[in-house]
N, C-alpha and C. Protein backbone atom coordinates (compact mmCIF):
# COMPACT_ATOMS: atom_id res chain seq x y z
N MET A 1 14.92 5.33 1.04
CA MET A 1 14.36 4.96 0.21
C MET A 1 13.28 6.34 0.77
N ARG A 2 11.99 6.75 -0.99
CA ARG A 2 10.66 7.87 0.03
C ARG A 2 9.75 7.18 -0.45
N ILE A 3 8.81 6.65 0.23
CA ILE A 3 7.69 6.26 -1.08
C ILE A 3 6.49 7.29 -0.63
N SER A 4 6.08 8.25 -2.31
CA SER A 4 5.08 9.00 -2.62
C SER A 4 4.03 9.12 -1.92
N ALA A 5 3.53 10.35 -1.39
CA ALA A 5 2.43 10.28 -0.34
C ALA A 5 1.42 9.57 -1.67
N LYS A 6 1.21 10.05 -3.09
CA LYS A 6 0.50 10.05 -3.95
C LYS A 6 0.79 7.42 -4.24
N VAL A 7 1.53 7.32 -4.05
CA VAL A 7 1.71 6.70 -2.96
C VAL A 7 1.17 5.74 -2.03
N ASP A 8 1.70 6.46 -0.78
CA ASP A 8 1.03 6.24 0.52
C ASP A 8 -0.54 6.20 0.03
N TYR A 9 -0.90 6.94 -0.65
CA TYR A 9 -2.48 7.44 -0.48
C TYR A 9 -3.11 6.27 -1.46
N ALA A 10 -2.36 6.09 -2.27
CA ALA A 10 -2.82 4.54 -3.14
C ALA A 10 -2.66 3.34 -2.64
N VAL A 11 -2.19 2.91 -1.58
CA VAL A 11 -2.42 1.79 -0.66
C VAL A 11 -4.07 1.55 -0.08
N ARG A 12 -4.16 3.01 0.64
CA ARG A 12 -5.34 3.28 1.66
C ARG A 12 -6.37 3.83 1.46
N ALA A 13 -6.25 3.68 0.15
CA ALA A 13 -7.30 3.65 -0.58
C ALA A 13 -7.55 2.62 -1.68
N MET A 14 -6.50 1.78 -1.44
CA MET A 14 -7.29 -0.41 -2.21
C MET A 14 -7.48 -0.41 -0.67
N ALA A 15 -6.80 -0.38 0.37
CA ALA A 15 -7.16 -0.83 1.94
C ALA A 15 -8.55 -0.77 2.47
N GLU A 16 -8.98 0.41 1.95
CA GLU A 16 -10.29 0.71 2.14
C GLU A 16 -11.67 0.06 0.75
N LEU A 17 -11.04 -0.26 -0.47
CA LEU A 17 -12.30 -0.81 -0.79
C LEU A 17 -12.02 -2.06 -0.86
N ALA A 18 -10.98 -3.06 -0.49
CA ALA A 18 -10.94 -4.25 0.12
C ALA A 18 -11.39 -4.79 1.17
N ALA A 19 -11.89 -3.81 2.08
CA ALA A 19 -12.62 -3.60 3.10
C ALA A 19 -14.45 -4.01 3.27
N VAL A 20 -14.25 -3.34 2.24
CA VAL A 20 -16.46 -3.55 1.93
C VAL A 20 -16.31 -5.01 1.70
N GLY A 21 -15.74 -5.69 0.33
CA GLY A 21 -15.40 -6.18 -0.36
C GLY A 21 -15.85 -5.99 -1.71
N PRO A 22 -15.85 -7.66 -3.30
CA PRO A 22 -15.19 -6.93 -4.16
C PRO A 22 -17.07 -6.55 -4.06
N ASN A 23 -18.38 -6.65 -4.72
CA ASN A 23 -19.52 -6.71 -4.52
C ASN A 23 -19.47 -5.04 -4.31
N ASN A 24 -18.56 -4.48 -3.77
CA ASN A 24 -19.17 -2.85 -3.31
C ASN A 24 -19.24 -1.65 -3.23
N PRO A 25 -19.55 -1.40 -3.78
CA PRO A 25 -18.95 -0.31 -5.35
C PRO A 25 -18.72 0.84 -3.94
N VAL A 26 -17.19 2.06 -3.50
CA VAL A 26 -17.44 2.71 -2.74
C VAL A 26 -17.39 4.22 -3.53
N LYS A 27 -17.68 5.00 -3.24
CA LYS A 27 -17.65 6.72 -3.21
C LYS A 27 -16.62 6.60 -3.23
N ALA A 28 -15.89 7.49 -4.16
CA ALA A 28 -13.80 8.85 -4.56
C ALA A 28 -14.49 9.38 -3.18
N ASP A 29 -15.64 10.47 -2.73
CA ASP A 29 -15.87 10.74 -1.79
C ASP A 29 -15.72 9.87 0.24
N ASP A 30 -16.46 9.18 -0.45
CA ASP A 30 -15.50 7.96 0.86
C ASP A 30 -14.66 7.63 1.64
N VAL A 31 -14.28 7.36 0.60
CA VAL A 31 -12.74 6.72 0.37
C VAL A 31 -11.88 7.80 1.23
N ALA A 32 -11.87 8.78 0.10
CA ALA A 32 -10.74 10.55 0.31
C ALA A 32 -11.22 10.36 2.18
N ALA A 33 -12.90 10.05 2.80
CA ALA A 33 -13.16 10.56 3.81
C ALA A 33 -12.54 9.40 5.18
N ALA A 34 -12.65 8.46 4.37
CA ALA A 34 -12.42 7.32 5.57
C ALA A 34 -10.53 7.67 5.26
N GLN A 35 -9.73 8.50 5.03
CA GLN A 35 -9.00 8.19 4.98
C GLN A 35 -7.92 9.18 5.29
N ASP A 36 -9.43 9.74 5.51
CA ASP A 36 -8.04 12.42 5.89
C ASP A 36 -8.03 12.70 4.03
N MET A 37 -8.32 12.24 3.16
CA MET A 37 -7.69 12.51 1.93
C MET A 37 -8.36 12.85 0.68
N PRO A 38 -8.02 14.22 0.59
CA PRO A 38 -8.34 15.24 -0.52
C PRO A 38 -8.59 14.42 -1.38
N VAL A 39 -10.02 14.51 -1.74
CA VAL A 39 -11.26 14.16 -3.09
C VAL A 39 -9.87 14.35 -3.96
N ALA A 40 -9.97 15.06 -5.01
CA ALA A 40 -9.40 15.11 -5.46
C ALA A 40 -8.44 14.31 -6.34
N PHE A 41 -7.95 14.08 -5.07
CA PHE A 41 -6.57 13.49 -5.23
C PHE A 41 -6.41 11.96 -5.38
N VAL A 42 -8.28 11.70 -4.86
CA VAL A 42 -7.97 10.31 -4.15
C VAL A 42 -8.51 9.72 -5.81
N LEU A 43 -9.54 10.77 -6.44
CA LEU A 43 -9.85 10.32 -7.98
C LEU A 43 -8.97 10.06 -8.85
N THR A 44 -7.38 10.57 -8.29
CA THR A 44 -6.53 10.93 -9.73
C THR A 44 -6.05 9.54 -9.53
N ILE A 45 -5.43 9.38 -8.75
CA ILE A 45 -4.99 8.12 -7.39
C ILE A 45 -5.98 6.90 -8.05
N LEU A 46 -7.77 6.75 -7.80
CA LEU A 46 -8.44 6.01 -8.98
C LEU A 46 -7.88 5.62 -10.25
N ASN A 47 -8.20 6.56 -10.45
CA ASN A 47 -7.73 6.62 -11.95
C ASN A 47 -6.47 5.96 -12.59
N ASP A 48 -5.75 6.61 -11.97
CA ASP A 48 -4.36 5.27 -11.93
C ASP A 48 -4.53 3.88 -11.96
N LEU A 49 -5.26 3.23 -10.60
CA LEU A 49 -5.38 2.44 -10.35
C LEU A 49 -6.28 1.38 -11.10
N LYS A 50 -7.02 2.16 -11.92
CA LYS A 50 -8.37 2.07 -12.98
C LYS A 50 -6.97 1.60 -13.44
N ARG A 51 -6.61 2.36 -14.73
CA ARG A 51 -5.61 1.67 -16.29
C ARG A 51 -4.80 0.88 -16.02
N ALA A 52 -4.92 1.12 -13.84
CA ALA A 52 -3.94 -0.97 -14.22
C ALA A 52 -4.74 -2.04 -14.07
N HIS A 53 -5.74 -2.10 -14.63
CA HIS A 53 -6.95 -2.67 -13.82
C HIS A 53 -7.04 -3.34 -12.67
N LEU A 54 -6.34 -2.37 -11.93
CA LEU A 54 -7.17 -2.69 -9.95
C LEU A 54 -7.58 -2.36 -9.21
N VAL A 55 -8.58 -1.10 -10.33
CA VAL A 55 -10.26 -1.09 -9.89
C VAL A 55 -10.93 -0.96 -11.36
N ARG A 56 -12.14 -1.30 -10.95
CA ARG A 56 -12.37 -1.30 -11.75
C ARG A 56 -14.15 0.19 -11.19
N SER A 57 -14.51 0.73 -11.84
CA SER A 57 -15.02 1.78 -11.76
C SER A 57 -17.14 1.52 -12.29
N HIS A 58 -17.94 1.23 -11.44
CA HIS A 58 -19.29 1.71 -11.71
C HIS A 58 -20.03 2.96 -11.51
N ARG A 59 -21.17 2.71 -12.14
CA ARG A 59 -21.70 3.85 -12.87
C ARG A 59 -23.13 4.11 -11.86
N GLY A 60 -23.33 5.33 -11.53
CA GLY A 60 -25.02 5.19 -11.70
C GLY A 60 -24.90 5.97 -10.11
N ARG A 61 -25.71 5.36 -9.02
CA ARG A 61 -26.44 6.82 -8.36
C ARG A 61 -25.22 5.76 -6.82
N LEU A 62 -26.48 4.21 -6.95
CA LEU A 62 -24.58 3.48 -6.30
C LEU A 62 -23.30 2.91 -6.94
N GLY A 63 -23.04 3.69 -7.74
CA GLY A 63 -22.25 3.43 -8.49
C GLY A 63 -20.45 3.79 -6.89
N GLY A 64 -19.57 3.50 -7.90
CA GLY A 64 -18.24 3.57 -7.67
C GLY A 64 -17.43 3.06 -7.97
N TYR A 65 -16.50 2.79 -7.10
CA TYR A 65 -15.25 2.02 -7.04
C TYR A 65 -15.41 0.86 -6.87
N SER A 66 -14.17 -0.76 -7.14
CA SER A 66 -14.12 -1.57 -6.55
C SER A 66 -13.04 -2.14 -7.03
N LEU A 67 -12.48 -2.90 -6.44
CA LEU A 67 -11.25 -3.31 -6.42
C LEU A 67 -11.79 -5.10 -8.28
N ALA A 68 -11.12 -5.10 -8.50
CA ALA A 68 -11.15 -5.14 -10.35
C ALA A 68 -10.21 -6.72 -9.82
N GLN A 69 -9.55 -6.81 -8.89
CA GLN A 69 -8.62 -8.54 -8.74
C GLN A 69 -9.29 -9.13 -6.66
N PRO A 70 -9.30 -10.20 -6.24
CA PRO A 70 -9.33 -10.41 -5.21
C PRO A 70 -8.08 -10.08 -4.32
N ALA A 71 -8.32 -9.34 -3.72
CA ALA A 71 -7.57 -9.17 -2.64
C ALA A 71 -6.64 -9.45 -1.58
N ALA A 72 -6.30 -11.33 -1.73
CA ALA A 72 -5.20 -11.66 -1.91
C ALA A 72 -4.49 -12.20 -2.92
N GLU A 73 -5.11 -10.87 -3.73
CA GLU A 73 -3.97 -11.67 -5.75
C GLU A 73 -3.23 -10.10 -5.94
N ILE A 74 -3.66 -9.01 -4.89
CA ILE A 74 -3.47 -7.59 -5.01
C ILE A 74 -2.14 -7.39 -4.03
N THR A 75 -1.18 -6.77 -4.65
CA THR A 75 0.11 -6.35 -3.91
C THR A 75 0.20 -5.23 -3.68
N ILE A 76 1.00 -4.84 -2.15
CA ILE A 76 1.95 -3.52 -2.05
C ILE A 76 2.42 -3.05 -3.61
N ALA A 77 3.33 -3.53 -3.87
CA ALA A 77 4.20 -3.64 -4.57
C ALA A 77 3.15 -2.79 -6.04
N ASP A 78 1.96 -4.40 -6.56
CA ASP A 78 1.72 -4.08 -7.40
C ASP A 78 1.06 -2.76 -7.05
N ILE A 79 -0.03 -1.75 -6.27
CA ILE A 79 -0.37 -0.83 -6.58
C ILE A 79 1.06 0.01 -6.67
N ALA A 80 2.33 -0.21 -5.93
CA ALA A 80 3.11 1.29 -6.04
C ALA A 80 3.55 1.25 -7.68
N ARG A 81 4.06 -0.21 -8.31
CA ARG A 81 4.25 -0.15 -9.36
C ARG A 81 3.15 1.02 -10.36
N ALA A 82 1.82 1.15 -10.43
CA ALA A 82 0.85 1.00 -11.12
C ALA A 82 0.38 2.41 -10.60
N ILE A 83 1.11 2.63 -10.01
CA ILE A 83 1.64 4.13 -9.42
C ILE A 83 2.31 5.95 -9.94
N GLU A 84 3.54 4.73 -9.81
CA GLU A 84 4.65 5.54 -10.35
C GLU A 84 5.74 4.38 -10.57
N GLY A 85 6.01 2.54 -11.13
CA GLY A 85 6.94 2.64 -11.90
C GLY A 85 7.44 1.75 -10.90
N PRO A 86 8.90 1.61 -11.41
CA PRO A 86 9.49 0.60 -10.88
C PRO A 86 10.21 0.92 -9.18
N LEU A 87 10.06 0.06 -8.17
CA LEU A 87 9.83 -0.21 -6.65
C LEU A 87 10.98 0.57 -7.01
N ALA A 88 12.44 0.67 -6.76
CA ALA A 88 13.48 1.28 -6.32
C ALA A 88 13.80 2.26 -7.53
N ASN A 89 14.14 3.37 -8.04
CA ASN A 89 14.77 3.38 -9.23
C ASN A 89 15.50 4.55 -9.20
N ILE A 90 16.84 4.08 -10.06
CA ILE A 90 17.91 4.99 -9.26
C ILE A 90 18.50 5.93 -11.13
N ARG A 91 17.93 7.40 -10.40
CA ARG A 91 18.25 7.71 -11.67
C ARG A 91 17.81 7.99 -12.82
N ASP A 92 16.44 7.16 -13.08
CA ASP A 92 15.15 6.93 -13.61
C ASP A 92 16.17 6.28 -15.01
N VAL A 93 17.32 4.90 -15.45
CA VAL A 93 17.95 3.90 -15.21
C VAL A 93 17.80 2.97 -14.63
N SER A 94 17.78 1.79 -15.76
CA SER A 94 17.74 0.05 -15.59
C SER A 94 18.83 0.26 -14.57
N LEU A 95 18.52 -0.90 -13.66
CA LEU A 95 19.92 -1.18 -12.76
C LEU A 95 21.05 -1.91 -13.99
N ARG A 96 20.18 -2.55 -15.32
CA ARG A 96 20.60 -3.25 -16.54
C ARG A 96 22.06 -2.44 -16.70
N ASP A 97 21.65 -0.82 -16.20
CA ASP A 97 22.55 0.08 -17.96
C ASP A 97 23.09 1.00 -16.46
N LEU A 98 23.23 0.43 -15.80
CA LEU A 98 24.15 1.22 -14.39
C LEU A 98 25.65 0.51 -14.83
N SER A 99 26.61 1.32 -14.43
CA SER A 99 27.84 0.73 -14.09
C SER A 99 28.36 2.23 -14.18
N TYR A 100 29.84 2.07 -12.97
CA TYR A 100 29.71 2.37 -12.04
C TYR A 100 31.95 2.56 -12.16
N THR A 101 31.96 3.32 -12.23
CA THR A 101 33.84 3.16 -12.12
C THR A 101 34.69 3.52 -10.93
N GLY A 102 35.89 2.62 -10.13
CA GLY A 102 36.91 2.60 -9.35
C GLY A 102 35.98 2.08 -8.25
N PRO A 103 36.53 2.76 -6.64
CA PRO A 103 35.56 3.34 -5.18
C PRO A 103 34.50 2.42 -5.36
N ALA A 104 33.50 3.44 -6.40
CA ALA A 104 32.24 2.42 -6.59
C ALA A 104 31.03 1.85 -7.06
N SER A 105 31.91 0.96 -7.64
CA SER A 105 31.78 -0.02 -8.61
C SER A 105 30.69 -1.79 -8.33
N ALA A 106 31.06 -1.47 -6.50
CA ALA A 106 30.07 -2.28 -6.09
C ALA A 106 28.06 -1.20 -5.43
N LEU A 107 28.11 -0.38 -6.43
CA LEU A 107 27.71 0.48 -6.18
C LEU A 107 26.13 -0.34 -6.50
N VAL A 108 26.38 -0.45 -7.72
CA VAL A 108 25.12 -1.23 -8.48
C VAL A 108 24.75 -2.40 -8.22
N GLU A 109 25.53 -3.04 -6.76
CA GLU A 109 24.66 -4.31 -6.33
C GLU A 109 24.33 -3.27 -4.77
N VAL A 110 24.66 -3.45 -4.85
CA VAL A 110 24.01 -2.48 -3.53
C VAL A 110 22.92 -1.67 -4.13
N TRP A 111 22.57 -1.39 -5.16
CA TRP A 111 20.72 -0.96 -5.23
C TRP A 111 20.27 -1.34 -5.77
N MET A 112 21.18 -3.41 -5.68
CA MET A 112 19.86 -4.55 -6.47
C MET A 112 19.54 -5.28 -5.31
N ALA A 113 20.29 -5.07 -4.08
CA ALA A 113 20.34 -5.69 -2.73
C ALA A 113 18.41 -4.69 -2.56
N VAL A 114 19.63 -3.44 -2.90
CA VAL A 114 17.63 -2.18 -2.33
C VAL A 114 16.68 -2.93 -3.01
N ARG A 115 16.44 -3.06 -4.15
CA ARG A 115 15.27 -3.34 -4.79
C ARG A 115 14.69 -4.73 -5.14
N THR A 116 15.82 -5.27 -4.19
CA THR A 116 15.19 -6.30 -4.26
C THR A 116 15.30 -6.84 -2.81
N SER A 117 15.18 -6.27 -1.21
CA SER A 117 14.54 -6.32 -0.40
C SER A 117 13.21 -5.79 0.11
N LEU A 118 12.91 -4.47 -1.26
CA LEU A 118 12.02 -3.96 -1.63
C LEU A 118 10.52 -4.23 -1.90
N ARG A 119 11.23 -5.77 -2.90
CA ARG A 119 10.32 -6.30 -3.32
C ARG A 119 9.98 -7.93 -1.98
N GLY A 120 11.48 -7.91 -1.23
CA GLY A 120 10.24 -8.76 -0.04
C GLY A 120 9.92 -8.22 0.67
N VAL A 121 9.87 -6.68 0.61
CA VAL A 121 8.90 -6.38 1.57
C VAL A 121 7.08 -5.84 1.03
N LEU A 122 6.93 -6.24 0.01
CA LEU A 122 6.23 -5.24 -0.98
C LEU A 122 5.28 -5.99 -1.55
N GLU A 123 6.15 -7.62 -1.99
CA GLU A 123 5.59 -8.37 -3.14
C GLU A 123 4.76 -9.60 -2.02
N ALA A 124 4.99 -9.12 -0.79
CA ALA A 124 5.31 -10.11 0.40
C ALA A 124 3.70 -10.19 0.87
N VAL A 125 3.32 -8.49 1.11
CA VAL A 125 1.85 -8.46 1.67
C VAL A 125 0.76 -7.86 1.01
N THR A 126 -0.10 -8.21 0.68
CA THR A 126 -1.39 -8.75 0.13
C THR A 126 -2.48 -7.32 0.80
N LEU A 127 -3.16 -7.00 -0.14
CA LEU A 127 -4.45 -5.92 0.04
C LEU A 127 -5.49 -7.24 1.73
N ALA A 128 -5.93 -7.99 0.78
CA ALA A 128 -6.59 -8.60 1.84
C ALA A 128 -5.27 -9.54 3.92
N ASP A 129 -3.99 -9.01 2.97
CA ASP A 129 -3.20 -8.95 4.45
C ASP A 129 -3.00 -8.01 5.67
N LEU A 130 -3.23 -6.80 4.37
CA LEU A 130 -3.20 -5.53 5.05
C LEU A 130 -4.74 -5.17 6.04
N VAL A 131 -5.70 -5.53 5.58
CA VAL A 131 -6.99 -5.41 5.95
C VAL A 131 -7.00 -6.57 6.70
N ALA A 132 -6.29 -7.34 7.22
CA ALA A 132 -7.08 -8.41 8.15
C ALA A 132 -5.83 -8.49 9.87
N GLY A 133 -5.27 -6.88 9.52
CA GLY A 133 -4.42 -6.46 10.14
C GLY A 133 -3.16 -8.05 11.04
N GLN A 134 -3.18 -8.53 9.64
CA GLN A 134 -2.17 -10.19 9.59
C GLN A 134 -0.96 -9.90 8.54
N LEU A 135 0.23 -9.51 8.59
CA LEU A 135 0.87 -9.44 8.05
C LEU A 135 2.31 -10.67 7.86
N PRO A 136 3.18 -10.62 6.71
CA PRO A 136 3.90 -11.92 6.87
C PRO A 136 4.57 -12.24 8.43
N ALA A 137 5.14 -13.21 8.61
CA ALA A 137 5.63 -12.85 9.72
C ALA A 137 7.66 -11.85 8.94
N ASN A 138 8.20 -12.70 7.71
CA ASN A 138 8.81 -11.47 7.97
C ASN A 138 9.33 -10.56 7.27
N VAL A 139 7.94 -9.64 7.46
CA VAL A 139 7.75 -8.07 7.58
C VAL A 139 7.66 -8.16 8.74
N SER A 140 6.77 -8.94 9.36
CA SER A 140 6.24 -7.73 11.27
C SER A 140 7.97 -8.15 11.70
N ALA A 141 8.62 -9.06 11.41
CA ALA A 141 9.92 -9.39 12.13
C ALA A 141 10.48 -6.98 12.10
N MET A 142 10.50 -7.55 10.04
CA MET A 142 11.48 -5.87 10.51
C MET A 142 10.79 -5.45 10.64
N ALA A 143 9.12 -4.74 11.41
CA ALA A 143 8.54 -3.18 12.06
C ALA A 143 9.26 -3.72 13.47
N THR A 144 9.36 -4.62 13.80
CA THR A 144 9.93 -5.14 15.07
C THR A 144 10.99 -4.73 15.65
N GLU A 145 12.30 -5.28 14.12
CA GLU A 145 13.37 -5.17 14.14
C GLU A 145 12.81 -4.03 14.62
N TYR A 146 12.28 -2.65 13.25
CA TYR A 146 13.21 -1.23 13.17
C TYR A 146 11.89 -0.62 14.51
N LEU A 147 11.69 -0.73 15.36
CA LEU A 147 11.25 -0.57 16.77
C LEU A 147 11.77 -0.49 16.99
N ASP A 148 12.86 -1.73 17.52
CA ASP A 148 13.92 -2.50 18.34
C ASP A 148 15.40 -1.17 18.26
N GLN A 149 15.50 -1.14 16.88
CA GLN A 149 16.48 -0.12 16.63
C GLN A 149 16.32 1.53 17.28
N GLU A 150 15.26 1.84 17.04
CA GLU A 150 14.36 2.96 18.04
C GLU A 150 14.46 2.80 18.72
N ARG A 151 14.56 2.23 19.75
CA ARG A 151 14.01 2.38 21.21
C ARG A 151 16.00 2.58 22.09
N ARG A 152 16.95 0.99 20.79
CA ARG A 152 17.96 1.90 21.19
C ARG A 152 18.77 2.60 21.20
N ARG A 153 18.36 3.86 20.19
CA ARG A 153 18.79 4.43 20.21
C ARG A 153 18.49 5.64 19.97
N GLY A 154 17.63 5.21 21.29
CA GLY A 154 16.35 6.59 22.46
C GLY A 154 15.55 7.33 21.77
N ARG A 155 15.33 6.95 20.53
CA ARG A 155 13.89 7.51 19.63
C ARG A 155 13.16 7.84 19.82
N THR A 156 12.24 8.20 19.98
CA THR A 156 10.15 8.11 19.74
C THR A 156 9.57 6.52 18.97
N VAL A 157 9.67 6.00 19.40
CA VAL A 157 8.80 5.32 18.15
C VAL A 157 7.59 5.36 17.98
N PRO A 158 6.94 5.24 16.69
CA PRO A 158 4.88 5.20 16.97
C PRO A 158 4.41 5.43 17.48
N SER A 159 3.03 6.21 17.73
CA SER A 159 2.46 6.08 19.29
C SER A 159 1.33 4.49 18.69
N SER A 160 1.02 4.59 17.19
CA SER A 160 0.14 3.23 17.13
C SER A 160 0.39 2.17 17.33
N GLY A 161 1.91 2.38 17.52
CA GLY A 161 3.11 1.22 17.95
C GLY A 161 2.84 0.18 17.21
N LEU A 162 3.35 -1.84 16.99
CA LEU A 162 2.86 -2.55 16.91
C LEU A 162 1.68 -3.40 17.61
N ARG A 163 1.00 -4.16 16.34
CA ARG A 163 0.04 -4.43 16.84
C ARG A 163 -0.68 -4.82 17.99
N GLN A 164 -1.33 -3.03 17.92
CA GLN A 164 -2.33 -2.35 18.65
C GLN A 164 -3.53 -2.35 17.23
N ALA A 165 -5.31 -2.97 18.55
CA ALA A 165 -6.29 -3.02 17.28
C ALA A 165 -6.30 -1.95 16.75
N ARG A 166 -7.23 -3.04 15.39
CA ARG A 166 -6.38 -2.21 14.77
C ARG A 166 -7.99 -1.67 14.07
N ARG A 167 -8.41 -0.50 13.56
CA ARG A 167 -8.96 0.21 13.10
C ARG A 167 -9.76 -0.58 11.27
N SER A 168 -11.09 -0.58 11.73
CA SER A 168 -11.65 -0.72 10.34
C SER A 168 -12.16 0.91 9.05
N PRO A 169 -12.14 0.37 8.71
CA PRO A 169 -12.65 1.63 7.49
C PRO A 169 -13.18 2.34 8.79
N ALA A 170 -13.35 3.82 7.61
CA ALA A 170 -13.64 4.79 8.10
C ALA A 170 -13.76 4.71 10.21
N GLY A 171 -13.11 4.60 10.42
CA GLY A 171 -12.60 4.84 12.32
C GLY A 171 -13.45 3.96 12.50
N ARG A 172 -14.54 2.33 12.20
CA ARG A 172 -15.47 2.09 13.08
C ARG A 172 -14.23 1.08 13.80
N THR A 173 -14.73 0.93 14.96
CA THR A 173 -14.03 -0.53 15.14
C THR A 173 -15.18 -2.21 15.13
N GLY A 174 -14.30 -3.40 14.88
CA GLY A 174 -15.10 -3.89 14.68
C GLY A 174 -15.81 -4.23 13.42
N GLY A 175 -16.71 -5.34 13.93
CA GLY A 175 -17.89 -5.95 12.78
C GLY A 175 -18.10 -4.96 10.78
N THR A 176 -18.41 -3.91 10.07
CA THR A 176 -18.68 -3.84 8.59
C THR A 176 -19.75 -2.72 8.59
N ARG A 177 -19.31 -1.97 8.11
CA ARG A 177 -19.92 -1.03 7.09
C ARG A 177 -21.74 -0.99 7.68
N PRO A 178 -22.31 0.15 7.64
CA PRO A 178 -23.74 -0.35 7.78
C PRO A 178 -24.43 -0.82 5.97
N GLY A 179 -24.97 -2.03 5.54
CA GLY A 179 -25.39 -2.29 4.64
C GLY A 179 -24.15 -3.23 3.94
N THR A 180 -23.10 -3.58 4.21
CA THR A 180 -22.49 -4.00 3.63
C THR A 180 -22.26 -5.67 3.53
N GLY A 181 -23.00 -5.54 4.91
CA GLY A 181 -22.64 -6.83 5.36
C GLY A 181 -21.12 -7.99 5.60
N PRO A 182 -20.91 -8.79 5.69
CA PRO A 182 -19.64 -9.47 5.71
C PRO A 182 -18.54 -8.98 5.06
N ARG A 183 -16.79 -8.84 5.70
CA ARG A 183 -16.11 -8.33 5.87
C ARG A 183 -15.22 -9.33 3.74
N SER A 184 -15.02 -9.71 3.16
CA SER A 184 -14.16 -10.67 2.86
C SER A 184 -12.61 -10.42 3.11
């Protein structure tokens, strides 16, 4: 399955907003800079997320964007669906409408299992989990399993590793952004 750059950027942008808390609007320029993303792309994504009622915009000199719901209530799946629709789309056809014949007839069940597996991960992880670096146990176990499989295959695993020190927004370590108070 392919996770598009747009979904990846959307999740990262939402993590930036979640990290500063609900009452601290963040400018799109700051979100883009903190995650090394193109500002124009971030603006497009934030507008898509606003239409999906996941983000709120604030006007004025101190304006920007903030989460429209608590971070603990927004899942990665919510963000992905807001950006690209269903989590596992098969030729733009609903799984209910798919049918195959002959030796491929069981393939519909495979696609159902793929969608269920994606849901099991993406619906389990909230923005609050992501920002805190505390993923659900089943998700962490799956990530560890992936790394173990890659090592057994003799492949290089990501240099960031698993559970290394997590960086806070804008590349700072620990604490909060100046002037934002404690994170929620």
